[in-house]
Every structure is written in structure tokens, then in C-alpha cells.
Amino acid sequence: MVLLDDVAFSKQSWQQRNRIRTVRGLENVVVPVKTSGRLGQRIDECEIADAQFGRKLVGSLRASYGRAPFASILLDELTSVATEGAATGRLVELNCALINWIATQLEVSTPMLRATKLDSSGRRGEHVASICDDLDAEQYLSPAGAEDYLLEDRQAFDDRGIGVWLHVYDHPVYTQRFEPFLPYASALDLILNEGPKAPAIMRSGRREARPLGSRHAGSELINAKEMQ
């Protein structure tokens, strides 16, 4: 899995925010980033604008999940990860710290590599295809939200003989701290509410990947698990 940290930062995107489940519903937690005079800065160049953000993030997590079933076991460790990541002052370090912790809790052992460790070229799909080429990948599994631009840049993958597949996922229902159940919160919500059951619940939503350009599942589908 390549963490794409060498592309332009997009303000008010998932690069700097996520949702937690509060008593009021789903609420965004946003990492404040310095943007003035920094148009076009890359993700790995982004600096956290508020030196106290780590403390504020921990406060938000404890307010919403302090009484979650597995908070007493996991919240202190998560607090350390979040505060240490934020203390670096770099968005990418905070994100990677949280991603690695979440991956451990969800028993995800897929090797991870930052794109900045590679020497890939190009923009958009050409850049992704170049990364795949650098890693000798024959298949690329993408979030479905990237389908439009991947279709526009499909030739970059075809020229390299790389197949492109789109991730398909049906959100499972699990026990949340508050009712009713609201999907599409951060994976932290699942982990703190379900603990050791979280990996199996997360994987239960996986479906067969679909080929790029097909809006519905068909005979060409392959199991995404085969591409791990």
C-alpha cells in the first residue's frame, strides 16, 4: 500500500479531516494546516497550524469515546499516538501515525510505503501508474471515487500492462456508543466500540473488486483479496 504523500494538498479534504460519532451525530475533526502563501504545497510539506491541536484532538476523542466499551483498554495508547504525531508539527506524520495504529488494531499487515520514498513522475493517473511501475505491480486497486480521473488517464496504465480495479465495499452495521447507527465514521469508531471484533467486522463489508469503467459487478470480477 502506497501512502500518496507527494501530491498537492487539497484543503478541506480527507487529507486533513475525518468524522467521529458524537451524541449529536457525525462530526468532523479537522487538522488546522498552514495554507497562507503556500498554494500548491504537497501533503508532506503541510505544517499543523495550531500547536495545541494534539491536546484538542485527544479532548474530542475522550468526550465521544471515553465510555465506549474498549476505551479503557485502547484510548490511552491512542492518545499517545495522536499527541506524539501532532507534536511533530507535520500533517503527514500525524496521519501516518494514526494510519499505522489503526492498521495494527485491524490486523492489517499489508506493507506500507510513502510515495516520497520513490522517484515516480507524472501527474494524476500517470503518477499513480508510474508508482505501480516502480513497484513492479501488475494490478492496481483503487477507491471507487477515483474512477473518473482514472478513466481519463487509463492509457498510462494500459501502456504499462497494469490492470485497474475498483474497491467495492458494503458498510457493515456494528454497535456504536450512541443510537441510531450512523455509517462512515472514522475506523476509530469501530475499533473503540468493538475491540477485537473490529477486524472481522471491517472485512465483512468487502466485495469483489470491479474493473475500471464498469458501474456494476460482472463476469470479469476478481477478488480483491488476491491482490493483497
Protein backbone atom coordinates (compact mmCIF):
# COMPACT_ATOMS: atom_id res chain seq x y z
CA MET A 1 0.00 0.00 0.00
CA VAL A 2 1.48 3.34 -1.06
CA LEU A 3 0.64 6.40 1.01
CA LEU A 4 0.39 9.18 -1.55
CA ASP A 5 2.15 11.99 0.31
CA ASP A 6 3.93 13.58 -2.68
CA VAL A 7 0.90 15.18 -4.35
CA ALA A 8 -0.69 18.61 -3.87
CA PHE A 9 -2.54 19.18 -0.61
CA SER A 10 -6.28 19.67 -1.07
CA LYS A 11 -7.86 21.97 1.51
CA GLN A 12 -10.97 20.70 3.33
CA SER A 13 -10.39 17.15 2.10
CA TRP A 14 -9.98 13.83 3.90
CA GLN A 15 -6.26 14.59 3.97
CA GLN A 16 -6.90 16.81 6.99
CA ARG A 17 -10.14 15.62 8.50
CA ASN A 18 -12.30 12.66 9.48
CA ARG A 19 -15.60 12.02 11.23
CA ILE A 20 -16.26 10.79 14.74
CA ARG A 21 -19.59 9.71 16.21
CA THR A 22 -20.77 12.07 18.93
CA VAL A 23 -24.03 12.32 20.83
CA ARG A 24 -25.08 14.89 18.20
CA GLY A 25 -24.27 12.67 15.22
CA LEU A 26 -21.26 12.52 12.90
CA GLU A 27 -18.93 15.48 13.37
CA ASN A 28 -15.76 16.43 11.51
CA VAL A 29 -12.45 16.64 13.32
CA VAL A 30 -10.24 18.93 11.22
CA VAL A 31 -6.48 19.29 11.49
CA PRO A 32 -5.68 23.01 11.01
CA VAL A 33 -2.98 23.39 8.36
CA LYS A 34 -0.92 26.42 7.35
CA THR A 35 -2.04 27.43 3.84
CA SER A 36 -1.46 31.18 3.51
CA GLY A 37 1.09 31.77 0.75
CA ARG A 38 1.50 28.02 0.27
CA LEU A 39 -0.62 27.37 -2.79
CA GLY A 40 0.36 24.08 -4.37
CA GLN A 41 2.21 22.71 -1.34
CA ARG A 42 2.50 18.94 -1.18
CA ILE A 43 0.98 16.85 1.58
CA ASP A 44 4.40 16.07 3.02
CA GLU A 45 5.10 19.82 3.27
CA CYS A 46 1.98 20.73 5.26
CA GLU A 47 2.52 22.11 8.75
CA ILE A 48 -0.09 21.90 11.52
CA ALA A 49 -1.25 25.45 12.27
CA ASP A 50 -2.25 25.00 15.93
CA ALA A 51 0.44 23.82 18.36
CA GLN A 52 -2.33 22.75 20.76
CA PHE A 53 -4.14 20.61 18.22
CA GLY A 54 -2.92 17.33 19.71
CA ARG A 55 -4.46 18.23 23.06
CA LYS A 56 -7.71 19.31 21.40
CA LEU A 57 -7.90 16.10 19.36
CA VAL A 58 -7.46 13.99 22.48
CA GLY A 59 -10.17 16.01 24.21
CA SER A 60 -12.61 15.35 21.36
CA LEU A 61 -11.85 11.63 21.36
CA ARG A 62 -12.26 11.30 25.11
CA ALA A 63 -15.52 13.27 25.09
CA SER A 64 -17.05 10.99 22.46
CA TYR A 65 -15.43 7.65 23.30
CA GLY A 66 -14.48 7.84 26.96
CA ARG A 67 -17.29 5.40 27.79
CA ALA A 68 -17.01 3.24 24.69
CA PRO A 69 -16.64 -0.49 25.51
CA PHE A 70 -12.90 -0.65 24.73
CA ALA A 71 -11.88 2.88 25.66
CA SER A 72 -10.28 1.78 28.93
CA ILE A 73 -8.02 -0.61 27.01
CA LEU A 74 -7.18 1.43 23.93
CA LEU A 75 -7.76 5.14 24.49
CA ASP A 76 -4.56 5.84 26.44
CA GLU A 77 -2.46 4.24 23.71
CA LEU A 78 -4.36 6.10 21.01
CA THR A 79 -3.87 9.33 22.94
CA SER A 80 -0.10 8.82 22.96
CA VAL A 81 -0.04 8.09 19.22
CA ALA A 82 -2.14 11.14 18.38
CA THR A 83 -0.28 13.59 20.63
CA GLU A 84 3.16 12.40 19.51
CA GLY A 85 2.12 12.59 15.85
CA ALA A 86 0.70 16.10 16.26
CA ALA A 87 3.77 17.24 18.22
CA THR A 88 5.90 16.82 15.09
CA GLY A 89 4.00 19.75 13.60
CA ARG A 90 3.61 17.86 10.31
CA LEU A 91 0.30 16.68 8.89
CA VAL A 92 1.88 13.66 7.21
CA GLU A 93 3.47 12.44 10.45
CA LEU A 94 0.19 12.69 12.34
CA ASN A 95 -1.70 10.91 9.56
CA CYS A 96 0.86 8.13 9.21
CA ALA A 97 1.00 7.59 12.97
CA LEU A 98 -2.79 7.17 13.10
CA ILE A 99 -2.90 5.01 9.95
CA ASN A 100 -0.26 2.66 11.37
CA TRP A 101 -2.04 2.39 14.73
CA ILE A 102 -5.39 1.71 13.05
CA ALA A 103 -3.80 -0.89 10.76
CA THR A 104 -2.39 -2.70 13.79
CA GLN A 105 -5.76 -2.73 15.55
CA LEU A 106 -7.48 -4.05 12.41
CA GLU A 107 -4.79 -6.71 11.88
CA VAL A 108 -3.77 -5.24 8.53
CA SER A 109 -0.27 -6.48 7.74
CA THR A 110 -0.01 -5.10 4.19
CA PRO A 111 3.40 -3.42 3.80
CA MET A 112 3.11 0.38 3.58
CA LEU A 113 5.43 2.77 1.77
CA ARG A 114 5.33 6.56 1.41
CA ALA A 115 5.35 7.80 -2.17
CA THR A 116 8.09 10.29 -1.25
CA LYS A 117 10.44 7.31 -0.84
CA LEU A 118 10.06 6.59 -4.56
CA ASP A 119 11.15 8.57 -7.59
CA SER A 120 7.91 8.44 -9.56
CA SER A 121 6.96 11.06 -12.14
CA GLY A 122 3.83 12.45 -13.81
CA ARG A 123 0.52 13.82 -12.60
CA ARG A 124 -2.77 12.21 -11.61
CA GLY A 125 -3.17 8.78 -13.18
CA GLU A 126 0.23 8.97 -14.85
CA HIS A 127 1.81 9.45 -11.43
CA VAL A 128 -0.07 6.51 -9.91
CA ALA A 129 0.81 4.33 -12.89
CA SER A 130 4.45 5.34 -12.51
CA ILE A 131 4.37 4.28 -8.85
CA CYS A 132 2.85 0.93 -9.82
CA ASP A 133 5.59 0.52 -12.43
CA ASP A 134 8.32 1.31 -9.89
CA LEU A 135 6.94 -1.43 -7.62
CA ASP A 136 6.51 -3.98 -10.47
CA ALA A 137 2.75 -4.04 -9.83
CA GLU A 138 0.54 -5.85 -12.33
CA GLN A 139 -2.75 -4.77 -10.72
CA TYR A 140 -3.86 -1.52 -9.11
CA LEU A 141 -6.76 -1.49 -6.64
CA SER A 142 -8.28 1.98 -6.28
CA PRO A 143 -11.05 3.61 -4.27
CA ALA A 144 -14.15 3.94 -6.45
CA GLY A 145 -14.18 7.72 -6.03
CA ALA A 146 -11.13 8.00 -8.30
CA GLU A 147 -12.84 6.27 -11.24
CA ASP A 148 -13.47 9.38 -13.36
CA TYR A 149 -9.89 10.60 -13.46
CA LEU A 150 -8.56 7.05 -13.82
CA LEU A 151 -10.75 6.60 -16.89
CA GLU A 152 -9.31 9.80 -18.36
CA ASP A 153 -5.76 8.60 -17.65
CA ARG A 154 -6.33 4.93 -18.39
CA GLN A 155 -3.76 4.87 -21.19
CA ALA A 156 -0.98 5.38 -18.65
CA PHE A 157 -1.87 2.02 -17.08
CA ASP A 158 -2.56 0.26 -20.38
CA ASP A 159 0.85 1.28 -21.71
CA ARG A 160 2.46 -0.44 -18.73
CA GLY A 161 0.21 -3.52 -18.79
CA ILE A 162 -1.30 -2.70 -15.39
CA GLY A 163 -4.89 -3.74 -14.69
CA VAL A 164 -7.05 -1.26 -12.76
CA TRP A 165 -9.73 -2.44 -10.34
CA LEU A 166 -12.11 -0.52 -8.10
CA HIS A 167 -12.70 -1.38 -4.47
CA VAL A 168 -16.31 -2.37 -3.65
CA TYR A 169 -17.48 -2.19 -0.05
CA ASP A 170 -20.85 -2.56 1.72
CA HIS A 171 -20.68 -0.78 5.06
CA PRO A 172 -21.41 -3.25 7.91
CA VAL A 173 -23.52 -2.35 10.93
CA TYR A 174 -21.88 -2.66 14.35
CA THR A 175 -22.50 -1.50 17.91
CA GLN A 176 -21.92 2.23 18.36
CA ARG A 177 -21.77 4.25 21.55
CA PHE A 178 -24.87 6.22 20.53
CA GLU A 179 -28.02 5.37 18.58
CA PRO A 180 -29.12 5.21 15.84
CA PHE A 181 -26.22 3.62 13.98
CA LEU A 182 -24.56 6.05 11.58
CA PRO A 183 -22.16 4.67 8.92
CA TYR A 184 -18.99 6.26 7.53
CA ALA A 185 -17.34 7.35 10.74
CA SER A 186 -13.59 7.00 11.23
CA ALA A 187 -12.32 3.46 11.71
CA LEU A 188 -11.55 4.61 15.26
CA ASP A 189 -15.28 4.38 15.94
CA LEU A 190 -15.33 0.69 15.02
CA ILE A 191 -12.15 -0.09 16.96
CA LEU A 192 -13.17 1.64 20.21
CA ASN A 193 -16.67 0.16 20.14
CA GLU A 194 -15.96 -3.39 19.02
CA GLY A 195 -12.35 -4.03 20.08
CA PRO A 196 -11.12 -7.50 18.99
CA LYS A 197 -14.19 -7.99 16.77
CA ALA A 198 -13.27 -4.96 14.67
CA PRO A 199 -11.02 -6.75 12.10
CA ALA A 200 -13.69 -9.31 11.20
CA ILE A 201 -16.42 -6.66 11.07
CA MET A 202 -14.30 -4.44 8.84
CA ARG A 203 -13.56 -7.31 6.43
CA SER A 204 -17.20 -8.42 6.33
CA GLY A 205 -18.02 -5.46 4.08
CA ARG A 206 -15.55 -6.40 1.36
CA ARG A 207 -16.95 -7.40 -2.01
CA GLU A 208 -15.33 -8.44 -5.26
CA ALA A 209 -13.46 -5.62 -6.97
CA ARG A 210 -14.86 -4.42 -10.27
CA PRO A 211 -12.88 -3.47 -13.37
CA LEU A 212 -12.38 0.18 -14.21
CA GLY A 213 -15.26 1.53 -16.29
CA SER A 214 -17.88 -0.99 -15.15
CA ARG A 215 -20.51 0.51 -12.89
CA HIS A 216 -21.91 -2.86 -11.90
CA ALA A 217 -20.37 -6.17 -10.97
CA GLY A 218 -19.95 -8.62 -13.83
CA SER A 219 -18.18 -11.72 -15.02
CA GLU A 220 -14.76 -10.05 -15.10
CA LEU A 221 -14.64 -9.50 -11.35
CA ILE A 222 -11.71 -10.67 -9.29
CA ASN A 223 -11.45 -10.99 -5.56
CA ALA A 224 -9.55 -8.02 -4.12
CA LYS A 225 -8.04 -10.34 -1.52
CA GLU A 226 -5.95 -11.92 -4.27
CA MET A 227 -4.18 -8.58 -4.78
CA GLN A 228 -3.02 -8.18 -1.17
